[in-house]
Amino acid sequence: TPGGTILMATHEQLEELVLDRATYEVKKDLGNKFAQIVYEGKWFTPLREAIQAFIDVTQQYVTGEVKFKLYKGNIIKAGETSPYSLYSESLASFTTGELYDHHDAEGFINLFGLPLKVRAMKMQELEK
């Protein structure tokens, strides 16, 4: 259904705006599981109730305005706003401010690069 597809796409656009990344990813996974449970006729199960509770919590702040363009069967984002948006232009552009210190990036990069560093050391060790 074209209307349903548009509603889903724009709702997901708002979710991306107001949910943190980890919650958004889990919500997408559980959304698929929820659809499977409903399809299999397992509405009155503890699993469906638990997933529903998670979804209810994640949707509390999913509200706002979405703009999009329709072109040859595609839905093209054209903007979104929400009073609960987690997007901050000053943080996204990494300008100096109270919340972001450029020195924080060094520790973050070192921490996330650690497994690659350990792998490189292990590979060098094995080559000897």
N, C-alpha and C. Protein backbone atom coordinates (compact mmCIF):
# COMPACT_ATOMS: atom_id res chain seq x y z
N THR A 1 0.83 -1.18 0.00
CA THR A 1 0.00 0.00 0.00
C THR A 1 0.88 1.25 0.00
N PRO A 2 0.73 2.11 -0.97
CA PRO A 2 1.57 3.31 -1.04
C PRO A 2 1.45 4.20 0.20
N GLY A 3 0.22 4.40 0.68
CA GLY A 3 0.03 5.24 1.86
C GLY A 3 0.71 4.67 3.09
N GLY A 4 0.59 3.37 3.28
CA GLY A 4 1.24 2.71 4.41
C GLY A 4 2.75 2.79 4.33
N THR A 5 3.28 2.65 3.13
CA THR A 5 4.73 2.74 2.92
C THR A 5 5.22 4.14 3.28
N ILE A 6 4.48 5.16 2.87
CA ILE A 6 4.86 6.54 3.19
C ILE A 6 4.80 6.77 4.70
N LEU A 7 3.73 6.30 5.35
CA LEU A 7 3.62 6.46 6.80
C LEU A 7 4.76 5.78 7.54
N MET A 8 5.10 4.57 7.14
CA MET A 8 6.20 3.85 7.79
C MET A 8 7.53 4.58 7.61
N ALA A 9 7.80 5.04 6.39
CA ALA A 9 9.07 5.72 6.11
C ALA A 9 9.19 7.01 6.90
N THR A 10 8.12 7.77 6.98
CA THR A 10 8.18 9.04 7.70
C THR A 10 8.23 8.81 9.21
N HIS A 11 7.57 7.76 9.69
CA HIS A 11 7.65 7.43 11.12
C HIS A 11 9.07 7.03 11.48
N GLU A 12 9.71 6.22 10.65
CA GLU A 12 11.10 5.83 10.89
C GLU A 12 12.02 7.05 10.87
N GLN A 13 11.71 8.01 10.00
CA GLN A 13 12.49 9.24 9.94
C GLN A 13 12.43 9.97 11.29
N LEU A 14 11.25 10.03 11.89
CA LEU A 14 11.11 10.65 13.20
C LEU A 14 11.83 9.84 14.28
N GLU A 15 11.74 8.51 14.19
CA GLU A 15 12.43 7.67 15.18
C GLU A 15 13.93 7.92 15.14
N GLU A 16 14.49 8.02 13.95
CA GLU A 16 15.92 8.30 13.82
C GLU A 16 16.29 9.63 14.46
N LEU A 17 15.37 10.56 14.45
CA LEU A 17 15.62 11.90 14.98
C LEU A 17 15.56 11.95 16.50
N VAL A 18 14.68 11.15 17.12
CA VAL A 18 14.45 11.28 18.56
C VAL A 18 15.00 10.13 19.40
N LEU A 19 15.35 9.01 18.79
CA LEU A 19 15.89 7.88 19.54
C LEU A 19 17.41 7.83 19.41
N ASP A 20 18.06 7.39 20.47
CA ASP A 20 19.50 7.18 20.35
C ASP A 20 19.75 5.98 19.44
N ARG A 21 20.95 5.87 18.92
CA ARG A 21 21.26 4.86 17.90
C ARG A 21 21.00 3.44 18.38
N ALA A 22 21.43 3.11 19.59
CA ALA A 22 21.26 1.74 20.09
C ALA A 22 19.78 1.38 20.24
N THR A 23 19.00 2.29 20.79
CA THR A 23 17.56 2.04 20.95
C THR A 23 16.89 1.89 19.60
N TYR A 24 17.27 2.74 18.64
CA TYR A 24 16.69 2.67 17.30
C TYR A 24 16.98 1.32 16.64
N GLU A 25 18.21 0.84 16.77
CA GLU A 25 18.58 -0.45 16.17
C GLU A 25 17.80 -1.60 16.80
N VAL A 26 17.69 -1.61 18.12
CA VAL A 26 16.94 -2.67 18.80
C VAL A 26 15.46 -2.58 18.43
N LYS A 27 14.94 -1.37 18.33
CA LYS A 27 13.53 -1.18 17.96
C LYS A 27 13.26 -1.76 16.57
N LYS A 28 14.17 -1.55 15.63
CA LYS A 28 14.00 -2.11 14.28
C LYS A 28 13.98 -3.64 14.33
N ASP A 29 14.90 -4.22 15.08
CA ASP A 29 14.95 -5.68 15.20
C ASP A 29 13.68 -6.23 15.84
N LEU A 30 13.27 -5.61 16.94
CA LEU A 30 12.07 -6.08 17.63
C LEU A 30 10.81 -5.82 16.82
N GLY A 31 10.83 -4.80 15.99
CA GLY A 31 9.69 -4.55 15.09
C GLY A 31 9.48 -5.71 14.14
N ASN A 32 10.57 -6.24 13.62
CA ASN A 32 10.47 -7.42 12.74
C ASN A 32 9.98 -8.63 13.51
N LYS A 33 10.48 -8.82 14.73
CA LYS A 33 10.04 -9.95 15.56
C LYS A 33 8.56 -9.80 15.91
N PHE A 34 8.13 -8.58 16.21
CA PHE A 34 6.74 -8.31 16.52
C PHE A 34 5.84 -8.68 15.34
N ALA A 35 6.25 -8.29 14.15
CA ALA A 35 5.47 -8.62 12.94
C ALA A 35 5.35 -10.13 12.77
N GLN A 36 6.44 -10.85 13.03
CA GLN A 36 6.42 -12.31 12.92
C GLN A 36 5.45 -12.92 13.93
N ILE A 37 5.49 -12.43 15.16
CA ILE A 37 4.59 -12.93 16.21
C ILE A 37 3.13 -12.73 15.81
N VAL A 38 2.81 -11.55 15.31
CA VAL A 38 1.44 -11.25 14.89
C VAL A 38 1.04 -12.14 13.72
N TYR A 39 1.93 -12.28 12.75
CA TYR A 39 1.65 -13.11 11.57
C TYR A 39 1.36 -14.55 11.97
N GLU A 40 2.08 -15.04 12.98
CA GLU A 40 1.90 -16.43 13.43
C GLU A 40 0.72 -16.58 14.39
N GLY A 41 -0.01 -15.52 14.64
CA GLY A 41 -1.19 -15.60 15.51
C GLY A 41 -0.87 -15.74 16.98
N LYS A 42 0.28 -15.25 17.41
CA LYS A 42 0.72 -15.39 18.81
C LYS A 42 0.52 -14.09 19.59
N TRP A 43 -0.62 -13.46 19.39
CA TRP A 43 -0.88 -12.17 20.01
C TRP A 43 -0.90 -12.26 21.54
N PHE A 44 -1.50 -13.31 22.08
CA PHE A 44 -1.67 -13.42 23.53
C PHE A 44 -0.52 -14.17 24.17
N THR A 45 0.70 -13.73 23.91
CA THR A 45 1.88 -14.38 24.48
C THR A 45 2.67 -13.38 25.32
N PRO A 46 3.40 -13.87 26.31
CA PRO A 46 4.24 -12.98 27.11
C PRO A 46 5.30 -12.25 26.26
N LEU A 47 5.80 -12.92 25.23
CA LEU A 47 6.81 -12.28 24.38
C LEU A 47 6.23 -11.07 23.66
N ARG A 48 5.02 -11.21 23.10
CA ARG A 48 4.39 -10.08 22.42
C ARG A 48 4.15 -8.93 23.40
N GLU A 49 3.73 -9.25 24.61
CA GLU A 49 3.48 -8.21 25.61
C GLU A 49 4.78 -7.50 25.99
N ALA A 50 5.87 -8.24 26.11
CA ALA A 50 7.16 -7.64 26.46
C ALA A 50 7.67 -6.73 25.35
N ILE A 51 7.57 -7.20 24.12
CA ILE A 51 7.99 -6.36 22.99
C ILE A 51 7.11 -5.13 22.89
N GLN A 52 5.80 -5.30 23.13
CA GLN A 52 4.88 -4.17 23.09
C GLN A 52 5.26 -3.12 24.13
N ALA A 53 5.65 -3.57 25.33
CA ALA A 53 6.06 -2.63 26.38
C ALA A 53 7.29 -1.83 25.95
N PHE A 54 8.25 -2.51 25.33
CA PHE A 54 9.44 -1.82 24.83
C PHE A 54 9.06 -0.79 23.77
N ILE A 55 8.22 -1.20 22.84
CA ILE A 55 7.80 -0.30 21.76
C ILE A 55 7.05 0.90 22.34
N ASP A 56 6.17 0.66 23.31
CA ASP A 56 5.42 1.77 23.92
C ASP A 56 6.36 2.81 24.53
N VAL A 57 7.41 2.35 25.21
CA VAL A 57 8.37 3.28 25.82
C VAL A 57 9.13 4.05 24.75
N THR A 58 9.56 3.36 23.70
CA THR A 58 10.35 4.04 22.67
C THR A 58 9.53 5.05 21.88
N GLN A 59 8.23 4.89 21.85
CA GLN A 59 7.39 5.77 21.03
C GLN A 59 6.87 7.00 21.78
N GLN A 60 7.17 7.12 23.07
CA GLN A 60 6.66 8.23 23.87
C GLN A 60 6.99 9.60 23.26
N TYR A 61 8.18 9.74 22.68
CA TYR A 61 8.63 11.05 22.19
C TYR A 61 8.74 11.10 20.67
N VAL A 62 8.20 10.11 20.00
CA VAL A 62 8.25 10.10 18.53
C VAL A 62 7.09 10.95 18.02
N THR A 63 7.38 12.22 17.88
CA THR A 63 6.41 13.19 17.39
C THR A 63 7.16 14.31 16.70
N GLY A 64 6.52 14.94 15.77
CA GLY A 64 7.17 16.03 15.06
C GLY A 64 6.59 16.20 13.68
N GLU A 65 7.33 16.90 12.86
CA GLU A 65 6.90 17.18 11.49
C GLU A 65 7.95 16.65 10.52
N VAL A 66 7.48 15.95 9.50
CA VAL A 66 8.37 15.37 8.49
C VAL A 66 7.99 15.94 7.14
N LYS A 67 9.01 16.33 6.39
CA LYS A 67 8.80 16.78 5.01
C LYS A 67 9.50 15.79 4.09
N PHE A 68 8.83 15.47 2.99
CA PHE A 68 9.41 14.53 2.04
C PHE A 68 8.89 14.84 0.65
N LYS A 69 9.60 14.28 -0.32
CA LYS A 69 9.18 14.42 -1.71
C LYS A 69 8.95 13.03 -2.27
N LEU A 70 7.95 12.89 -3.10
CA LEU A 70 7.68 11.63 -3.78
C LEU A 70 8.10 11.79 -5.23
N TYR A 71 8.95 10.87 -5.69
CA TYR A 71 9.42 10.96 -7.07
C TYR A 71 9.66 9.56 -7.62
N LYS A 72 8.90 9.19 -8.61
CA LYS A 72 9.04 7.90 -9.30
C LYS A 72 9.13 6.73 -8.32
N GLY A 73 8.21 6.67 -7.39
CA GLY A 73 8.15 5.56 -6.45
C GLY A 73 9.12 5.66 -5.29
N ASN A 74 9.84 6.76 -5.17
CA ASN A 74 10.79 6.94 -4.07
C ASN A 74 10.29 7.98 -3.09
N ILE A 75 10.65 7.78 -1.83
CA ILE A 75 10.35 8.74 -0.77
C ILE A 75 11.67 9.41 -0.42
N ILE A 76 11.76 10.70 -0.68
CA ILE A 76 13.02 11.43 -0.48
C ILE A 76 12.86 12.37 0.70
N LYS A 77 13.73 12.22 1.71
CA LYS A 77 13.68 13.09 2.89
C LYS A 77 13.93 14.53 2.48
N ALA A 78 13.13 15.44 3.06
CA ALA A 78 13.31 16.86 2.77
C ALA A 78 13.38 17.68 4.06
N GLY A 79 13.40 17.01 5.19
CA GLY A 79 13.53 17.71 6.46
C GLY A 79 12.61 17.14 7.52
N GLU A 80 12.99 17.38 8.77
CA GLU A 80 12.17 16.94 9.88
C GLU A 80 12.47 17.81 11.10
N THR A 81 11.47 17.96 11.95
CA THR A 81 11.63 18.69 13.20
C THR A 81 10.86 17.96 14.29
N SER A 82 11.36 18.07 15.50
CA SER A 82 10.68 17.49 16.65
C SER A 82 11.15 18.23 17.90
N PRO A 83 10.24 18.47 18.83
CA PRO A 83 10.68 19.08 20.09
C PRO A 83 11.60 18.15 20.88
N TYR A 84 11.64 16.88 20.52
CA TYR A 84 12.46 15.90 21.23
C TYR A 84 13.68 15.45 20.42
N SER A 85 14.02 16.21 19.40
CA SER A 85 15.14 15.86 18.53
C SER A 85 16.44 15.76 19.31
N LEU A 86 17.22 14.72 19.03
CA LEU A 86 18.53 14.56 19.65
C LEU A 86 19.63 15.19 18.80
N TYR A 87 19.25 15.78 17.69
CA TYR A 87 20.22 16.41 16.79
C TYR A 87 20.57 17.80 17.29
N SER A 88 21.85 18.08 17.35
CA SER A 88 22.33 19.41 17.73
C SER A 88 23.31 19.86 16.66
N GLU A 89 22.99 20.94 15.98
CA GLU A 89 23.85 21.42 14.89
C GLU A 89 25.25 21.73 15.38
N SER A 90 25.37 22.31 16.57
CA SER A 90 26.70 22.65 17.08
C SER A 90 27.53 21.40 17.35
N LEU A 91 26.90 20.33 17.81
CA LEU A 91 27.64 19.08 18.02
C LEU A 91 27.93 18.37 16.71
N ALA A 92 26.99 18.41 15.79
CA ALA A 92 27.17 17.73 14.51
C ALA A 92 28.29 18.36 13.71
N SER A 93 28.49 19.65 13.86
CA SER A 93 29.55 20.33 13.11
C SER A 93 30.86 20.35 13.90
N PHE A 94 30.84 19.81 15.12
CA PHE A 94 32.02 19.74 15.99
C PHE A 94 32.63 21.11 16.25
N THR A 95 31.79 22.13 16.32
CA THR A 95 32.30 23.43 16.70
C THR A 95 32.61 23.40 18.19
N THR A 96 33.42 24.30 18.63
CA THR A 96 33.76 24.31 20.05
C THR A 96 32.55 24.75 20.85
N GLY A 97 32.39 24.14 21.98
CA GLY A 97 31.25 24.46 22.83
C GLY A 97 31.40 23.76 24.16
N GLU A 98 30.38 23.85 24.98
CA GLU A 98 30.43 23.27 26.31
C GLU A 98 30.35 21.75 26.30
N LEU A 99 29.62 21.17 25.37
CA LEU A 99 29.38 19.73 25.38
C LEU A 99 30.46 18.92 24.68
N TYR A 100 31.20 19.54 23.78
CA TYR A 100 32.17 18.77 23.00
C TYR A 100 33.56 19.36 23.15
N ASP A 101 34.51 18.50 23.51
CA ASP A 101 35.92 18.88 23.60
C ASP A 101 36.66 18.04 22.57
N HIS A 102 37.38 18.68 21.67
CA HIS A 102 38.09 17.97 20.60
C HIS A 102 39.06 16.93 21.14
N HIS A 103 39.54 17.12 22.35
CA HIS A 103 40.48 16.16 22.95
C HIS A 103 39.80 14.83 23.28
N ASP A 104 38.48 14.85 23.43
CA ASP A 104 37.75 13.61 23.71
C ASP A 104 37.89 12.61 22.57
N ALA A 105 38.02 13.09 21.37
CA ALA A 105 38.10 12.21 20.20
C ALA A 105 39.32 11.30 20.26
N GLU A 106 40.42 11.79 20.79
CA GLU A 106 41.65 10.99 20.83
C GLU A 106 41.45 9.71 21.63
N GLY A 107 40.87 9.83 22.82
CA GLY A 107 40.63 8.65 23.64
C GLY A 107 39.63 7.70 22.99
N PHE A 108 38.62 8.26 22.39
CA PHE A 108 37.60 7.47 21.69
C PHE A 108 38.23 6.67 20.55
N ILE A 109 39.05 7.33 19.76
CA ILE A 109 39.71 6.67 18.63
C ILE A 109 40.64 5.57 19.13
N ASN A 110 41.41 5.86 20.18
CA ASN A 110 42.32 4.85 20.74
C ASN A 110 41.55 3.64 21.27
N LEU A 111 40.46 3.89 21.96
CA LEU A 111 39.66 2.80 22.53
C LEU A 111 39.05 1.93 21.44
N PHE A 112 38.44 2.54 20.44
CA PHE A 112 37.79 1.77 19.39
C PHE A 112 38.78 1.15 18.42
N GLY A 113 39.99 1.68 18.37
CA GLY A 113 41.02 1.10 17.51
C GLY A 113 41.81 0.00 18.19
N LEU A 114 41.60 -0.19 19.49
CA LEU A 114 42.36 -1.18 20.25
C LEU A 114 42.27 -2.60 19.69
N PRO A 115 41.09 -3.12 19.34
CA PRO A 115 41.04 -4.47 18.78
C PRO A 115 41.88 -4.62 17.50
N LEU A 116 41.92 -3.59 16.67
CA LEU A 116 42.73 -3.65 15.45
C LEU A 116 44.21 -3.64 15.78
N LYS A 117 44.58 -2.88 16.80
CA LYS A 117 45.97 -2.83 17.23
C LYS A 117 46.40 -4.20 17.77
N VAL A 118 45.55 -4.81 18.59
CA VAL A 118 45.84 -6.14 19.14
C VAL A 118 45.95 -7.16 18.01
N ARG A 119 45.07 -7.07 17.02
CA ARG A 119 45.11 -8.00 15.89
C ARG A 119 46.42 -7.84 15.12
N ALA A 120 46.83 -6.60 14.88
CA ALA A 120 48.09 -6.36 14.16
C ALA A 120 49.27 -6.94 14.93
N MET A 121 49.28 -6.76 16.25
CA MET A 121 50.36 -7.32 17.07
C MET A 121 50.35 -8.84 17.00
N LYS A 122 49.17 -9.44 17.05
CA LYS A 122 49.04 -10.90 16.99
C LYS A 122 49.53 -11.42 15.64
N MET A 123 49.17 -10.73 14.56
CA MET A 123 49.60 -11.15 13.22
C MET A 123 51.12 -11.06 13.08
N GLN A 124 51.72 -10.00 13.63
CA GLN A 124 53.18 -9.87 13.60
C GLN A 124 53.83 -11.00 14.38
N GLU A 125 53.25 -11.32 15.52
CA GLU A 125 53.76 -12.40 16.37
C GLU A 125 53.70 -13.74 15.64
N LEU A 126 52.62 -14.00 14.93
CA LEU A 126 52.45 -15.26 14.22
C LEU A 126 53.36 -15.37 13.01
N GLU A 127 53.73 -14.23 12.42
CA GLU A 127 54.61 -14.24 11.24
C GLU A 127 56.05 -14.56 11.61
N LYS A 128 56.42 -14.42 12.86
CA LYS A 128 57.80 -14.69 13.30
C LYS A 128 58.06 -16.16 13.42
